[in-house]
Full PDB file with SEQRES, HELIX, SHEET, SSBOND, CRYST1, ORIGX, SCALE, CONECT and MASTER records, all heavy atoms in Angstrom:
SEQRES   1 A   37  LYS ALA MET ILE LEU ALA ALA GLY LYS GLY THR ARG VAL          
SEQRES   2 A   37  ARG PRO LEU THR TYR ASP LEU PRO LYS PRO MET ILE PRO          
SEQRES   3 A   37  ILE LEU GLY LYS PRO VAL MET ALA TYR LEU ILE                  
HELIX    1 AA1 THR A   11  VAL A   13  5                                   3    
HELIX    2 AA2 LEU A   16  ASP A   19  1                                   4    
HELIX    3 AA3 LYS A   22  MET A   24  5                                   3    
HELIX    4 AA4 VAL A   32  LEU A   36  1                                   5    
SHEET    1 AA1 2 PRO A  26  ILE A  27  0                                        
SHEET    2 AA1 2 LYS A  30  PRO A  31 -1                                        
CRYST1    1.000    1.000    1.000  90.00  90.00  90.00 P 1           1          
ORIGX1      1.000000  0.000000  0.000000        0.00000                         
ORIGX2      0.000000  1.000000  0.000000        0.00000                         
ORIGX3      0.000000  0.000000  1.000000        0.00000                         
SCALE1      1.000000  0.000000  0.000000        0.00000                         
SCALE2      0.000000  1.000000  0.000000        0.00000                         
SCALE3      0.000000  0.000000  1.000000        0.00000                         
ATOM      1  N   LYS A   1    -100.911  45.479 -97.608  1.00  0.00           N  
ATOM      2  CA  LYS A   1    -101.546  44.895 -96.438  1.00  0.00           C  
ATOM      3  C   LYS A   1    -101.134  45.702 -95.201  1.00  0.00           C  
ATOM      4  O   LYS A   1    -100.310  46.606 -95.277  1.00  0.00           O  
ATOM      5  CB  LYS A   1    -101.125  43.433 -96.286  1.00  0.00           C  
ATOM      6  CG  LYS A   1    -101.641  42.513 -97.385  1.00  0.00           C  
ATOM      7  CD  LYS A   1    -101.217  41.074 -97.147  1.00  0.00           C  
ATOM      8  CE  LYS A   1    -101.805  40.147 -98.191  1.00  0.00           C  
ATOM      9  NZ  LYS A   1    -101.402  38.726 -97.955  1.00  0.00           N  
ATOM     10  N   ALA A   2    -101.718  45.334 -94.045  1.00  0.00           N  
ATOM     11  CA  ALA A   2    -101.385  46.050 -92.817  1.00  0.00           C  
ATOM     12  C   ALA A   2    -101.300  45.082 -91.650  1.00  0.00           C  
ATOM     13  O   ALA A   2    -101.943  44.029 -91.631  1.00  0.00           O  
ATOM     14  CB  ALA A   2    -102.430  47.121 -92.510  1.00  0.00           C  
ATOM     15  N   MET A   3    -100.474  45.473 -90.688  1.00  0.00           N  
ATOM     16  CA  MET A   3    -100.438  44.768 -89.410  1.00  0.00           C  
ATOM     17  C   MET A   3    -100.503  45.791 -88.291  1.00  0.00           C  
ATOM     18  O   MET A   3     -99.814  46.820 -88.334  1.00  0.00           O  
ATOM     19  CB  MET A   3     -99.175  43.930 -89.265  1.00  0.00           C  
ATOM     20  CG  MET A   3     -99.105  43.269 -87.891  1.00  0.00           C  
ATOM     21  SD  MET A   3     -97.835  42.038 -87.725  1.00  0.00           S  
ATOM     22  CE  MET A   3     -98.073  41.586 -85.989  1.00  0.00           C  
ATOM     23  N   ILE A   4    -101.330  45.505 -87.284  1.00  0.00           N  
ATOM     24  CA  ILE A   4    -101.433  46.369 -86.106  1.00  0.00           C  
ATOM     25  C   ILE A   4    -100.847  45.617 -84.915  1.00  0.00           C  
ATOM     26  O   ILE A   4    -101.232  44.477 -84.624  1.00  0.00           O  
ATOM     27  CB  ILE A   4    -102.897  46.759 -85.829  1.00  0.00           C  
ATOM     28  CG1 ILE A   4    -103.443  47.600 -86.988  1.00  0.00           C  
ATOM     29  CG2 ILE A   4    -103.021  47.523 -84.519  1.00  0.00           C  
ATOM     30  CD1 ILE A   4    -104.914  47.951 -86.868  1.00  0.00           C  
ATOM     31  N   LEU A   5     -99.891  46.262 -84.252  1.00  0.00           N  
ATOM     32  CA  LEU A   5     -99.224  45.668 -83.096  1.00  0.00           C  
ATOM     33  C   LEU A   5    -100.065  45.937 -81.848  1.00  0.00           C  
ATOM     34  O   LEU A   5    -100.232  47.084 -81.441  1.00  0.00           O  
ATOM     35  CB  LEU A   5     -97.822  46.259 -82.938  1.00  0.00           C  
ATOM     36  CG  LEU A   5     -96.911  46.117 -84.171  1.00  0.00           C  
ATOM     37  CD1 LEU A   5     -95.625  46.914 -83.975  1.00  0.00           C  
ATOM     38  CD2 LEU A   5     -96.596  44.647 -84.438  1.00  0.00           C  
ATOM     39  N   ALA A   6    -100.598  44.883 -81.231  1.00  0.00           N  
ATOM     40  CA  ALA A   6    -101.553  45.064 -80.132  1.00  0.00           C  
ATOM     41  C   ALA A   6    -101.350  44.056 -79.010  1.00  0.00           C  
ATOM     42  O   ALA A   6    -102.283  43.754 -78.270  1.00  0.00           O  
ATOM     43  CB  ALA A   6    -102.978  44.956 -80.680  1.00  0.00           C  
ATOM     44  N   ALA A   7    -100.122  43.552 -78.863  1.00  0.00           N  
ATOM     45  CA  ALA A   7     -99.898  42.483 -77.892  1.00  0.00           C  
ATOM     46  C   ALA A   7     -99.342  42.969 -76.558  1.00  0.00           C  
ATOM     47  O   ALA A   7     -99.243  42.182 -75.615  1.00  0.00           O  
ATOM     48  CB  ALA A   7     -98.958  41.426 -78.478  1.00  0.00           C  
ATOM     49  N   GLY A   8     -98.965  44.239 -76.456  1.00  0.00           N  
ATOM     50  CA  GLY A   8     -98.308  44.721 -75.241  1.00  0.00           C  
ATOM     51  C   GLY A   8     -99.258  44.891 -74.069  1.00  0.00           C  
ATOM     52  O   GLY A   8    -100.480  44.958 -74.225  1.00  0.00           O  
ATOM     53  N   LYS A   9     -98.664  45.003 -72.869  1.00  0.00           N  
ATOM     54  CA  LYS A   9     -99.463  45.176 -71.649  1.00  0.00           C  
ATOM     55  C   LYS A   9     -99.808  46.626 -71.371  1.00  0.00           C  
ATOM     56  O   LYS A   9    -100.710  46.905 -70.589  1.00  0.00           O  
ATOM     57  CB  LYS A   9     -98.706  44.601 -70.447  1.00  0.00           C  
ATOM     58  CG  LYS A   9     -98.804  43.097 -70.333  1.00  0.00           C  
ATOM     59  CD  LYS A   9     -98.291  42.641 -68.973  1.00  0.00           C  
ATOM     60  CE  LYS A   9     -98.553  41.158 -68.769  1.00  0.00           C  
ATOM     61  NZ  LYS A   9     -98.116  40.717 -67.419  1.00  0.00           N  
ATOM     62  N   GLY A  10     -99.082  47.575 -71.948  1.00  0.00           N  
ATOM     63  CA  GLY A  10     -99.376  48.984 -71.698  1.00  0.00           C  
ATOM     64  C   GLY A  10     -99.166  49.377 -70.251  1.00  0.00           C  
ATOM     65  O   GLY A  10    -100.000  50.059 -69.651  1.00  0.00           O  
ATOM     66  N   THR A  11     -98.032  48.980 -69.682  1.00  0.00           N  
ATOM     67  CA  THR A  11     -97.797  49.216 -68.252  1.00  0.00           C  
ATOM     68  C   THR A  11     -97.741  50.703 -67.893  1.00  0.00           C  
ATOM     69  O   THR A  11     -98.105  51.089 -66.776  1.00  0.00           O  
ATOM     70  CB  THR A  11     -96.484  48.552 -67.801  1.00  0.00           C  
ATOM     71  OG1 THR A  11     -95.414  48.993 -68.650  1.00  0.00           O  
ATOM     72  CG2 THR A  11     -96.591  47.035 -67.899  1.00  0.00           C  
ATOM     73  N   ARG A  12     -97.337  51.550 -68.833  1.00  0.00           N  
ATOM     74  CA  ARG A  12     -97.224  52.980 -68.537  1.00  0.00           C  
ATOM     75  C   ARG A  12     -98.581  53.681 -68.538  1.00  0.00           C  
ATOM     76  O   ARG A  12     -98.678  54.855 -68.191  1.00  0.00           O  
ATOM     77  CB  ARG A  12     -96.276  53.655 -69.536  1.00  0.00           C  
ATOM     78  CG  ARG A  12     -94.823  53.198 -69.403  1.00  0.00           C  
ATOM     79  CD  ARG A  12     -93.967  53.748 -70.520  1.00  0.00           C  
ATOM     80  NE  ARG A  12     -93.963  55.197 -70.513  1.00  0.00           N  
ATOM     81  CZ  ARG A  12     -93.876  55.947 -71.603  1.00  0.00           C  
ATOM     82  NH1 ARG A  12     -93.821  55.395 -72.792  1.00  0.00           N  
ATOM     83  NH2 ARG A  12     -93.863  57.255 -71.511  1.00  0.00           N  
ATOM     84  N   VAL A  13     -99.625  52.967 -68.933  1.00  0.00           N  
ATOM     85  CA  VAL A  13    -100.954  53.565 -68.967  1.00  0.00           C  
ATOM     86  C   VAL A  13    -101.858  52.934 -67.899  1.00  0.00           C  
ATOM     87  O   VAL A  13    -103.073  53.053 -67.953  1.00  0.00           O  
ATOM     88  CB  VAL A  13    -101.587  53.435 -70.375  1.00  0.00           C  
ATOM     89  CG1 VAL A  13    -102.707  54.456 -70.557  1.00  0.00           C  
ATOM     90  CG2 VAL A  13    -100.568  53.657 -71.463  1.00  0.00           C  
ATOM     91  N   ARG A  14    -101.254  52.252 -66.945  1.00  0.00           N  
ATOM     92  CA  ARG A  14    -102.057  51.764 -65.828  1.00  0.00           C  
ATOM     93  C   ARG A  14    -102.560  52.961 -65.016  1.00  0.00           C  
ATOM     94  O   ARG A  14    -101.889  53.970 -64.940  1.00  0.00           O  
ATOM     95  CB  ARG A  14    -101.191  50.865 -64.929  1.00  0.00           C  
ATOM     96  CG  ARG A  14    -100.844  49.527 -65.575  1.00  0.00           C  
ATOM     97  CD  ARG A  14     -99.870  48.750 -64.712  1.00  0.00           C  
ATOM     98  NE  ARG A  14     -99.599  47.431 -65.299  1.00  0.00           N  
ATOM     99  CZ  ARG A  14     -98.612  46.648 -64.899  1.00  0.00           C  
ATOM    100  NH1 ARG A  14     -97.805  47.040 -63.922  1.00  0.00           N  
ATOM    101  NH2 ARG A  14     -98.426  45.484 -65.469  1.00  0.00           N  
ATOM    102  N   PRO A  15    -103.782  52.885 -64.474  1.00  0.00           N  
ATOM    103  CA  PRO A  15    -104.633  51.710 -64.290  1.00  0.00           C  
ATOM    104  C   PRO A  15    -105.561  51.399 -65.452  1.00  0.00           C  
ATOM    105  O   PRO A  15    -106.315  50.434 -65.389  1.00  0.00           O  
ATOM    106  CB  PRO A  15    -105.446  52.095 -63.065  1.00  0.00           C  
ATOM    107  CG  PRO A  15    -105.647  53.565 -63.235  1.00  0.00           C  
ATOM    108  CD  PRO A  15    -104.345  54.075 -63.792  1.00  0.00           C  
ATOM    109  N   LEU A  16    -105.546  52.218 -66.510  1.00  0.00           N  
ATOM    110  CA  LEU A  16    -106.484  51.984 -67.623  1.00  0.00           C  
ATOM    111  C   LEU A  16    -106.313  50.583 -68.182  1.00  0.00           C  
ATOM    112  O   LEU A  16    -107.286  49.929 -68.574  1.00  0.00           O  
ATOM    113  CB  LEU A  16    -106.273  53.025 -68.726  1.00  0.00           C  
ATOM    114  CG  LEU A  16    -106.326  54.504 -68.323  1.00  0.00           C  
ATOM    115  CD1 LEU A  16    -106.189  55.378 -69.548  1.00  0.00           C  
ATOM    116  CD2 LEU A  16    -107.614  54.820 -67.578  1.00  0.00           C  
ATOM    117  N   THR A  17    -105.060  50.106 -68.221  1.00  0.00           N  
ATOM    118  CA  THR A  17    -104.794  48.808 -68.830  1.00  0.00           C  
ATOM    119  C   THR A  17    -104.895  47.645 -67.847  1.00  0.00           C  
ATOM    120  O   THR A  17    -104.559  46.518 -68.194  1.00  0.00           O  
ATOM    121  CB  THR A  17    -103.413  48.814 -69.510  1.00  0.00           C  
ATOM    122  OG1 THR A  17    -102.432  49.353 -68.602  1.00  0.00           O  
ATOM    123  CG2 THR A  17    -103.438  49.642 -70.772  1.00  0.00           C  
ATOM    124  N   TYR A  18    -105.366  47.891 -66.625  1.00  0.00           N  
ATOM    125  CA  TYR A  18    -105.689  46.762 -65.752  1.00  0.00           C  
ATOM    126  C   TYR A  18    -106.870  45.989 -66.327  1.00  0.00           C  
ATOM    127  O   TYR A  18    -106.983  44.777 -66.139  1.00  0.00           O  
ATOM    128  CB  TYR A  18    -106.057  47.262 -64.349  1.00  0.00           C  
ATOM    129  CG  TYR A  18    -104.875  47.666 -63.503  1.00  0.00           C  
ATOM    130  CD1 TYR A  18    -105.021  48.634 -62.514  1.00  0.00           C  
ATOM    131  CD2 TYR A  18    -103.625  47.086 -63.669  1.00  0.00           C  
ATOM    132  CE1 TYR A  18    -103.943  49.012 -61.715  1.00  0.00           C  
ATOM    133  CE2 TYR A  18    -102.547  47.458 -62.889  1.00  0.00           C  
ATOM    134  CZ  TYR A  18    -102.711  48.421 -61.909  1.00  0.00           C  
ATOM    135  OH  TYR A  18    -101.640  48.791 -61.133  1.00  0.00           O  
ATOM    136  N   ASP A  19    -107.731  46.687 -67.026  1.00  0.00           N  
ATOM    137  CA  ASP A  19    -108.956  46.061 -67.521  1.00  0.00           C  
ATOM    138  C   ASP A  19    -109.117  46.181 -69.040  1.00  0.00           C  
ATOM    139  O   ASP A  19    -110.006  45.587 -69.618  1.00  0.00           O  
ATOM    140  CB  ASP A  19    -110.178  46.695 -66.832  1.00  0.00           C  
ATOM    141  CG  ASP A  19    -111.452  45.901 -67.049  1.00  0.00           C  
ATOM    142  OD1 ASP A  19    -111.461  44.711 -66.702  1.00  0.00           O  
ATOM    143  OD2 ASP A  19    -112.425  46.467 -67.577  1.00  0.00           O  
ATOM    144  N   LEU A  20    -108.243  46.967 -69.673  1.00  0.00           N  
ATOM    145  CA  LEU A  20    -108.319  47.188 -71.115  1.00  0.00           C  
ATOM    146  C   LEU A  20    -106.956  46.971 -71.753  1.00  0.00           C  
ATOM    147  O   LEU A  20    -105.949  47.455 -71.226  1.00  0.00           O  
ATOM    148  CB  LEU A  20    -108.737  48.634 -71.421  1.00  0.00           C  
ATOM    149  CG  LEU A  20    -110.169  49.074 -71.169  1.00  0.00           C  
ATOM    150  CD1 LEU A  20    -110.282  50.569 -71.398  1.00  0.00           C  
ATOM    151  CD2 LEU A  20    -111.130  48.324 -72.078  1.00  0.00           C  
ATOM    152  N   PRO A  21    -106.873  46.272 -72.891  1.00  0.00           N  
ATOM    153  CA  PRO A  21    -105.621  46.307 -73.650  1.00  0.00           C  
ATOM    154  C   PRO A  21    -105.437  47.720 -74.200  1.00  0.00           C  
ATOM    155  O   PRO A  21    -106.415  48.428 -74.479  1.00  0.00           O  
ATOM    156  CB  PRO A  21    -105.846  45.282 -74.756  1.00  0.00           C  
ATOM    157  CG  PRO A  21    -107.316  45.130 -74.866  1.00  0.00           C  
ATOM    158  CD  PRO A  21    -107.910  45.467 -73.531  1.00  0.00           C  
ATOM    159  N   LYS A  22    -104.197  48.136 -74.350  1.00  0.00           N  
ATOM    160  CA  LYS A  22    -103.932  49.528 -74.703  1.00  0.00           C  
ATOM    161  C   LYS A  22    -104.655  49.992 -75.967  1.00  0.00           C  
ATOM    162  O   LYS A  22    -105.181  51.112 -76.011  1.00  0.00           O  
ATOM    163  CB  LYS A  22    -102.417  49.742 -74.842  1.00  0.00           C  
ATOM    164  CG  LYS A  22    -101.992  51.193 -74.753  1.00  0.00           C  
ATOM    165  CD  LYS A  22    -100.477  51.295 -74.744  1.00  0.00           C  
ATOM    166  CE  LYS A  22    -100.018  52.747 -74.702  1.00  0.00           C  
ATOM    167  NZ  LYS A  22     -98.547  52.866 -74.830  1.00  0.00           N  
ATOM    168  N   PRO A  23    -104.743  49.181 -77.032  1.00  0.00           N  
ATOM    169  CA  PRO A  23    -105.455  49.647 -78.235  1.00  0.00           C  
ATOM    170  C   PRO A  23    -106.947  49.890 -78.023  1.00  0.00           C  
ATOM    171  O   PRO A  23    -107.603  50.496 -78.866  1.00  0.00           O  
ATOM    172  CB  PRO A  23    -105.235  48.506 -79.238  1.00  0.00           C  
ATOM    173  CG  PRO A  23    -103.991  47.836 -78.770  1.00  0.00           C  
ATOM    174  CD  PRO A  23    -104.055  47.907 -77.280  1.00  0.00           C  
ATOM    175  N   MET A  24    -107.491  49.420 -76.889  1.00  0.00           N  
ATOM    176  CA  MET A  24    -108.914  49.611 -76.613  1.00  0.00           C  
ATOM    177  C   MET A  24    -109.182  50.850 -75.770  1.00  0.00           C  
ATOM    178  O   MET A  24    -110.336  51.151 -75.448  1.00  0.00           O  
ATOM    179  CB  MET A  24    -109.477  48.378 -75.885  1.00  0.00           C  
ATOM    180  CG  MET A  24    -109.530  47.126 -76.740  1.00  0.00           C  
ATOM    181  SD  MET A  24    -110.625  47.296 -78.169  1.00  0.00           S  
ATOM    182  CE  MET A  24    -112.210  47.447 -77.352  1.00  0.00           C  
ATOM    183  N   ILE A  25    -108.138  51.596 -75.392  1.00  0.00           N  
ATOM    184  CA  ILE A  25    -108.358  52.826 -74.632  1.00  0.00           C  
ATOM    185  C   ILE A  25    -109.169  53.799 -75.489  1.00  0.00           C  
ATOM    186  O   ILE A  25    -108.831  54.035 -76.648  1.00  0.00           O  
ATOM    187  CB  ILE A  25    -107.012  53.448 -74.221  1.00  0.00           C  
ATOM    188  CG1 ILE A  25    -106.322  52.559 -73.173  1.00  0.00           C  
ATOM    189  CG2 ILE A  25    -107.192  54.855 -73.665  1.00  0.00           C  
ATOM    190  CD1 ILE A  25    -104.943  53.013 -72.797  1.00  0.00           C  
ATOM    191  N   PRO A  26    -110.240  54.365 -74.941  1.00  0.00           N  
ATOM    192  CA  PRO A  26    -111.142  55.175 -75.766  1.00  0.00           C  
ATOM    193  C   PRO A  26    -110.717  56.640 -75.887  1.00  0.00           C  
ATOM    194  O   PRO A  26    -110.236  57.248 -74.939  1.00  0.00           O  
ATOM    195  CB  PRO A  26    -112.474  55.074 -75.019  1.00  0.00           C  
ATOM    196  CG  PRO A  26    -112.075  54.899 -73.579  1.00  0.00           C  
ATOM    197  CD  PRO A  26    -110.795  54.117 -73.594  1.00  0.00           C  
ATOM    198  N   ILE A  27    -110.912  57.176 -77.071  1.00  0.00           N  
ATOM    199  CA  ILE A  27    -110.838  58.612 -77.334  1.00  0.00           C  
ATOM    200  C   ILE A  27    -112.207  59.007 -77.886  1.00  0.00           C  
ATOM    201  O   ILE A  27    -112.668  58.428 -78.877  1.00  0.00           O  
ATOM    202  CB  ILE A  27    -109.743  58.967 -78.370  1.00  0.00           C  
ATOM    203  CG1 ILE A  27    -108.363  58.512 -77.875  1.00  0.00           C  
ATOM    204  CG2 ILE A  27    -109.752  60.456 -78.664  1.00  0.00           C  
ATOM    205  CD1 ILE A  27    -107.830  59.279 -76.695  1.00  0.00           C  
ATOM    206  N   LEU A  28    -112.877  59.949 -77.253  1.00  0.00           N  
ATOM    207  CA  LEU A  28    -114.246  60.309 -77.619  1.00  0.00           C  
ATOM    208  C   LEU A  28    -115.136  59.073 -77.665  1.00  0.00           C  
ATOM    209  O   LEU A  28    -115.992  58.916 -78.536  1.00  0.00           O  
ATOM    210  CB  LEU A  28    -114.284  61.051 -78.963  1.00  0.00           C  
ATOM    211  CG  LEU A  28    -113.574  62.402 -79.012  1.00  0.00           C  
ATOM    212  CD1 LEU A  28    -113.793  63.063 -80.370  1.00  0.00           C  
ATOM    213  CD2 LEU A  28    -114.034  63.334 -77.895  1.00  0.00           C  
ATOM    214  N   GLY A  29    -114.911  58.173 -76.700  1.00  0.00           N  
ATOM    215  CA  GLY A  29    -115.775  57.018 -76.563  1.00  0.00           C  
ATOM    216  C   GLY A  29    -115.510  55.880 -77.530  1.00  0.00           C  
ATOM    217  O   GLY A  29    -116.248  54.893 -77.527  1.00  0.00           O  
ATOM    218  N   LYS A  30    -114.465  55.991 -78.365  1.00  0.00           N  
ATOM    219  CA  LYS A  30    -114.182  54.947 -79.351  1.00  0.00           C  
ATOM    220  C   LYS A  30    -112.732  54.481 -79.197  1.00  0.00           C  
ATOM    221  O   LYS A  30    -111.835  55.300 -79.019  1.00  0.00           O  
ATOM    222  CB  LYS A  30    -114.422  55.516 -80.760  1.00  0.00           C  
ATOM    223  CG  LYS A  30    -114.275  54.489 -81.864  1.00  0.00           C  
ATOM    224  CD  LYS A  30    -114.914  54.972 -83.158  1.00  0.00           C  
ATOM    225  CE  LYS A  30    -114.147  56.108 -83.803  1.00  0.00           C  
ATOM    226  NZ  LYS A  30    -114.704  56.484 -85.112  1.00  0.00           N  
ATOM    227  N   PRO A  31    -112.470  53.160 -79.247  1.00  0.00           N  
ATOM    228  CA  PRO A  31    -111.102  52.674 -79.071  1.00  0.00           C  
ATOM    229  C   PRO A  31    -110.134  53.270 -80.087  1.00  0.00           C  
ATOM    230  O   PRO A  31    -110.483  53.478 -81.255  1.00  0.00           O  
ATOM    231  CB  PRO A  31    -111.237  51.160 -79.283  1.00  0.00           C  
ATOM    232  CG  PRO A  31    -112.654  50.857 -78.979  1.00  0.00           C  
ATOM    233  CD  PRO A  31    -113.439  52.059 -79.423  1.00  0.00           C  
ATOM    234  N   VAL A  32    -108.910  53.511 -79.629  1.00  0.00           N  
ATOM    235  CA  VAL A  32    -107.881  54.054 -80.510  1.00  0.00           C  
ATOM    236  C   VAL A  32    -107.737  53.184 -81.764  1.00  0.00           C  
ATOM    237  O   VAL A  32    -107.603  53.688 -82.880  1.00  0.00           O  
ATOM    238  CB  VAL A  32    -106.527  54.137 -79.766  1.00  0.00           C  
ATOM    239  CG1 VAL A  32    -105.408  54.534 -80.725  1.00  0.00           C  
ATOM    240  CG2 VAL A  32    -106.606  55.132 -78.627  1.00  0.00           C  
ATOM    241  N   MET A  33    -107.759  51.882 -81.584  1.00  0.00           N  
ATOM    242  CA  MET A  33    -107.550  50.971 -82.720  1.00  0.00           C  
ATOM    243  C   MET A  33    -108.652  51.091 -83.758  1.00  0.00           C  
ATOM    244  O   MET A  33    -108.422  50.860 -84.953  1.00  0.00           O  
ATOM    245  CB  MET A  33    -107.433  49.533 -82.220  1.00  0.00           C  
ATOM    246  CG  MET A  33    -106.977  48.542 -83.274  1.00  0.00           C  
ATOM    247  SD  MET A  33    -106.569  46.949 -82.538  1.00  0.00           S  
ATOM    248  CE  MET A  33    -107.440  45.867 -83.661  1.00  0.00           C  
ATOM    249  N   ALA A  34    -109.848  51.467 -83.352  1.00  0.00           N  
ATOM    250  CA  ALA A  34    -110.939  51.645 -84.312  1.00  0.00           C  
ATOM    251  C   ALA A  34    -110.612  52.774 -85.290  1.00  0.00           C  
ATOM    252  O   ALA A  34    -110.904  52.676 -86.488  1.00  0.00           O  
ATOM    253  CB  ALA A  34    -112.246  51.932 -83.585  1.00  0.00           C  
ATOM    254  N   TYR A  35    -110.019  53.858 -84.776  1.00  0.00           N  
ATOM    255  CA  TYR A  35    -109.616  54.955 -85.658  1.00  0.00           C  
ATOM    256  C   TYR A  35    -108.569  54.474 -86.666  1.00  0.00           C  
ATOM    257  O   TYR A  35    -108.596  54.871 -87.843  1.00  0.00           O  
ATOM    258  CB  TYR A  35    -109.048  56.119 -84.847  1.00  0.00           C  
ATOM    259  CG  TYR A  35    -110.057  56.853 -83.999  1.00  0.00           C  
ATOM    260  CD1 TYR A  35    -110.113  56.660 -82.630  1.00  0.00           C  
ATOM    261  CD2 TYR A  35    -110.962  57.754 -84.559  1.00  0.00           C  
ATOM    262  CE1 TYR A  35    -111.035  57.341 -81.828  1.00  0.00           C  
ATOM    263  CE2 TYR A  35    -111.885  58.441 -83.780  1.00  0.00           C  
ATOM    264  CZ  TYR A  35    -111.918  58.224 -82.418  1.00  0.00           C  
ATOM    265  OH  TYR A  35    -112.829  58.901 -81.650  1.00  0.00           O  
ATOM    266  N   LEU A  36    -107.638  53.634 -86.215  1.00  0.00           N  
ATOM    267  CA  LEU A  36    -106.602  53.121 -87.117  1.00  0.00           C  
ATOM    268  C   LEU A  36    -107.209  52.285 -88.236  1.00  0.00           C  
ATOM    269  O   LEU A  36    -106.846  52.432 -89.412  1.00  0.00           O  
ATOM    270  CB  LEU A  36    -105.600  52.270 -86.339  1.00  0.00           C  
ATOM    271  CG  LEU A  36    -104.569  52.994 -85.485  1.00  0.00           C  
ATOM    272  CD1 LEU A  36    -103.725  51.972 -84.722  1.00  0.00           C  
ATOM    273  CD2 LEU A  36    -103.663  53.876 -86.335  1.00  0.00           C  
ATOM    274  N   ILE A  37    -108.133  51.412 -87.875  1.00  0.00           N  
ATOM    275  CA  ILE A  37    -108.751  50.546 -88.884  1.00  0.00           C  
ATOM    276  C   ILE A  37    -109.556  51.375 -89.884  1.00  0.00           C  
ATOM    277  O   ILE A  37    -109.499  51.140 -91.101  1.00  0.00           O  
ATOM    278  CB  ILE A  37    -109.628  49.479 -88.201  1.00  0.00           C  
ATOM    279  CG1 ILE A  37    -108.730  48.497 -87.430  1.00  0.00           C  
ATOM    280  CG2 ILE A  37    -110.489  48.742 -89.223  1.00  0.00           C  
ATOM    281  CD1 ILE A  37    -109.477  47.531 -86.555  1.00  0.00           C  
TER     282      ILE A  37                                                      
MASTER        0    0    0    4    2    0    0    6  281    1    0    3          
END                                                                             
């Protein structure tokens, strides 16, 4: 099975995380977490 840790605020990646949780930050237009899944 798998668990993805996605509860943090991502303070070091502000301002991106003012409006996005860190796993939703896009790379080539797709959230980082999508690549993991």
